[in-house]
């Protein structure tokens, strides 16, 4: 199966949870949907023994997480859109201290 190269950025405190202040470069399977990416990232990068502000137990993003794909709100085309090589995904937590 072929893979896609994508870049991922985290904002609003998520960059600390993922220990990725400069973002990540990832290879994901061709045909992967945007809605599948959070679970893959959680499994790969987050410590399961620590509470998360990213993913609920059902595998869905927690409320307050905005997802941008190539600088456009993911709600435009939906989370079921397939990723493409070169996509830039940004996860932004709107629930952070001030």
C-alpha atoms as a PDB file:
ATOM      1  CA  UNK A   1       0.000   0.000   0.000  1.00  0.00           C
ATOM      2  CA  UNK A   2       1.334   3.440  -0.849  1.00  0.00           C
ATOM      3  CA  UNK A   3       1.800   6.212   1.664  1.00  0.00           C
ATOM      4  CA  UNK A   4       1.132   9.939   1.710  1.00  0.00           C
ATOM      5  CA  UNK A   5       3.438  12.578   3.174  1.00  0.00           C
ATOM      6  CA  UNK A   6       1.563  15.134   5.273  1.00  0.00           C
ATOM      7  CA  UNK A   7       2.539  17.789   7.794  1.00  0.00           C
ATOM      8  CA  UNK A   8       0.755  18.319  11.087  1.00  0.00           C
ATOM      9  CA  UNK A   9       0.754  21.335  13.369  1.00  0.00           C
ATOM     10  CA  UNK A  10      -0.663  21.705  16.870  1.00  0.00           C
ATOM     11  CA  UNK A  11      -1.777  24.967  18.522  1.00  0.00           C
ATOM     12  CA  UNK A  12      -3.456  26.117  21.731  1.00  0.00           C
ATOM     13  CA  UNK A  13      -1.404  23.887  24.039  1.00  0.00           C
ATOM     14  CA  UNK A  14      -1.689  20.685  22.007  1.00  0.00           C
ATOM     15  CA  UNK A  15       1.895  21.179  20.806  1.00  0.00           C
ATOM     16  CA  UNK A  16       3.010  20.456  24.398  1.00  0.00           C
ATOM     17  CA  UNK A  17       0.858  17.336  24.691  1.00  0.00           C
ATOM     18  CA  UNK A  18       2.348  15.970  21.470  1.00  0.00           C
ATOM     19  CA  UNK A  19       5.842  17.276  22.287  1.00  0.00           C
ATOM     20  CA  UNK A  20       5.865  18.802  18.823  1.00  0.00           C
ATOM     21  CA  UNK A  21       6.463  22.564  19.055  1.00  0.00           C
ATOM     22  CA  UNK A  22       7.560  22.583  15.406  1.00  0.00           C
ATOM     23  CA  UNK A  23       4.887  20.189  14.188  1.00  0.00           C
ATOM     24  CA  UNK A  24       5.273  16.729  12.702  1.00  0.00           C
ATOM     25  CA  UNK A  25       5.924  15.183   9.325  1.00  0.00           C
ATOM     26  CA  UNK A  26       3.983  11.925   8.960  1.00  0.00           C
ATOM     27  CA  UNK A  27       3.541   9.170   6.444  1.00  0.00           C
ATOM     28  CA  UNK A  28      -0.027   7.884   6.425  1.00  0.00           C
ATOM     29  CA  UNK A  29      -1.678   5.178   4.326  1.00  0.00           C
ATOM     30  CA  UNK A  30      -3.110   6.275   0.984  1.00  0.00           C
ATOM     31  CA  UNK A  31      -6.877   6.550   1.248  1.00  0.00           C
ATOM     32  CA  UNK A  32      -6.812   7.618   4.908  1.00  0.00           C
ATOM     33  CA  UNK A  33      -9.622   9.963   5.881  1.00  0.00           C
ATOM     34  CA  UNK A  34      -9.095  13.062   7.991  1.00  0.00           C
ATOM     35  CA  UNK A  35     -11.384  11.608  10.678  1.00  0.00           C
ATOM     36  CA  UNK A  36      -8.967   8.674  11.133  1.00  0.00           C
ATOM     37  CA  UNK A  37      -5.907  10.847  11.740  1.00  0.00           C
ATOM     38  CA  UNK A  38      -6.564  11.879  15.381  1.00  0.00           C
ATOM     39  CA  UNK A  39      -6.687   8.250  16.591  1.00  0.00           C
ATOM     40  CA  UNK A  40      -3.479   7.410  14.728  1.00  0.00           C
ATOM     41  CA  UNK A  41      -1.685  10.424  16.222  1.00  0.00           C
ATOM     42  CA  UNK A  42      -3.008   9.723  19.726  1.00  0.00           C
ATOM     43  CA  UNK A  43      -1.864   6.125  19.627  1.00  0.00           C
ATOM     44  CA  UNK A  44       1.560   7.051  18.286  1.00  0.00           C
ATOM     45  CA  UNK A  45       2.394  10.172  20.312  1.00  0.00           C
ATOM     46  CA  UNK A  46       0.268  10.540  23.464  1.00  0.00           C
ATOM     47  CA  UNK A  47       0.965   8.837  26.788  1.00  0.00           C
ATOM     48  CA  UNK A  48      -2.118   6.698  27.539  1.00  0.00           C
ATOM     49  CA  UNK A  49      -1.543   7.064  31.294  1.00  0.00           C
ATOM     50  CA  UNK A  50      -2.060  10.846  31.139  1.00  0.00           C
ATOM     51  CA  UNK A  51      -5.351  12.682  30.637  1.00  0.00           C
ATOM     52  CA  UNK A  52      -5.838  14.059  27.160  1.00  0.00           C
ATOM     53  CA  UNK A  53      -7.516  17.180  25.848  1.00  0.00           C
ATOM     54  CA  UNK A  54      -7.456  15.778  22.340  1.00  0.00           C
ATOM     55  CA  UNK A  55      -9.393  12.541  21.937  1.00  0.00           C
ATOM     56  CA  UNK A  56     -12.435  11.090  23.713  1.00  0.00           C
ATOM     57  CA  UNK A  57     -12.664   7.410  24.617  1.00  0.00           C
ATOM     58  CA  UNK A  58     -14.895   6.812  21.588  1.00  0.00           C
ATOM     59  CA  UNK A  59     -12.059   7.933  19.292  1.00  0.00           C
ATOM     60  CA  UNK A  60     -13.620  11.268  18.333  1.00  0.00           C
ATOM     61  CA  UNK A  61     -12.000  14.627  18.894  1.00  0.00           C
ATOM     62  CA  UNK A  62     -13.020  16.348  22.096  1.00  0.00           C
ATOM     63  CA  UNK A  63     -15.218  19.440  21.779  1.00  0.00           C
ATOM     64  CA  UNK A  64     -13.174  22.601  21.356  1.00  0.00           C
ATOM     65  CA  UNK A  65     -10.655  21.176  18.873  1.00  0.00           C
ATOM     66  CA  UNK A  66     -10.674  22.949  15.520  1.00  0.00           C
ATOM     67  CA  UNK A  67      -9.225  21.107  12.539  1.00  0.00           C
ATOM     68  CA  UNK A  68      -7.829  22.957   9.561  1.00  0.00           C
ATOM     69  CA  UNK A  69      -6.743  21.266   6.340  1.00  0.00           C
ATOM     70  CA  UNK A  70      -4.555  23.398   4.095  1.00  0.00           C
ATOM     71  CA  UNK A  71      -5.645  26.482   6.081  1.00  0.00           C
ATOM     72  CA  UNK A  72      -9.372  25.828   5.530  1.00  0.00           C
ATOM     73  CA  UNK A  73     -11.833  24.753   8.221  1.00  0.00           C
ATOM     74  CA  UNK A  74     -12.428  21.003   7.956  1.00  0.00           C
ATOM     75  CA  UNK A  75     -16.148  21.608   8.369  1.00  0.00           C
ATOM     76  CA  UNK A  76     -16.245  22.889   4.778  1.00  0.00           C
ATOM     77  CA  UNK A  77     -15.589  19.460   3.245  1.00  0.00           C
ATOM     78  CA  UNK A  78     -16.135  17.374   6.381  1.00  0.00           C
ATOM     79  CA  UNK A  79     -13.929  15.068   8.392  1.00  0.00           C
ATOM     80  CA  UNK A  80     -14.654  12.198   5.992  1.00  0.00           C
ATOM     81  CA  UNK A  81     -12.526  13.761   3.239  1.00  0.00           C
ATOM     82  CA  UNK A  82      -9.524  11.725   2.103  1.00  0.00           C
ATOM     83  CA  UNK A  83      -6.057  13.053   2.785  1.00  0.00           C
ATOM     84  CA  UNK A  84      -3.705  13.883  -0.081  1.00  0.00           C
ATOM     85  CA  UNK A  85       0.064  13.960  -0.207  1.00  0.00           C
ATOM     86  CA  UNK A  86       1.306  17.407   0.802  1.00  0.00           C
ATOM     87  CA  UNK A  87      -1.709  18.225   2.988  1.00  0.00           C
ATOM     88  CA  UNK A  88      -1.052  20.430   6.002  1.00  0.00           C
ATOM     89  CA  UNK A  89      -3.309  19.623   8.961  1.00  0.00           C
ATOM     90  CA  UNK A  90      -3.594  21.921  11.980  1.00  0.00           C
ATOM     91  CA  UNK A  91      -5.287  20.959  15.249  1.00  0.00           C
ATOM     92  CA  UNK A  92      -6.159  23.960  17.434  1.00  0.00           C
ATOM     93  CA  UNK A  93      -7.436  23.678  20.989  1.00  0.00           C
ATOM     94  CA  UNK A  94      -9.766  26.530  21.850  1.00  0.00           C
ATOM     95  CA  UNK A  95      -9.746  25.424  25.502  1.00  0.00           C
ATOM     96  CA  UNK A  96      -6.547  26.803  26.960  1.00  0.00           C
ATOM     97  CA  UNK A  97      -5.571  29.217  29.672  1.00  0.00           C
ATOM     98  CA  UNK A  98      -5.027  32.880  29.074  1.00  0.00           C
END
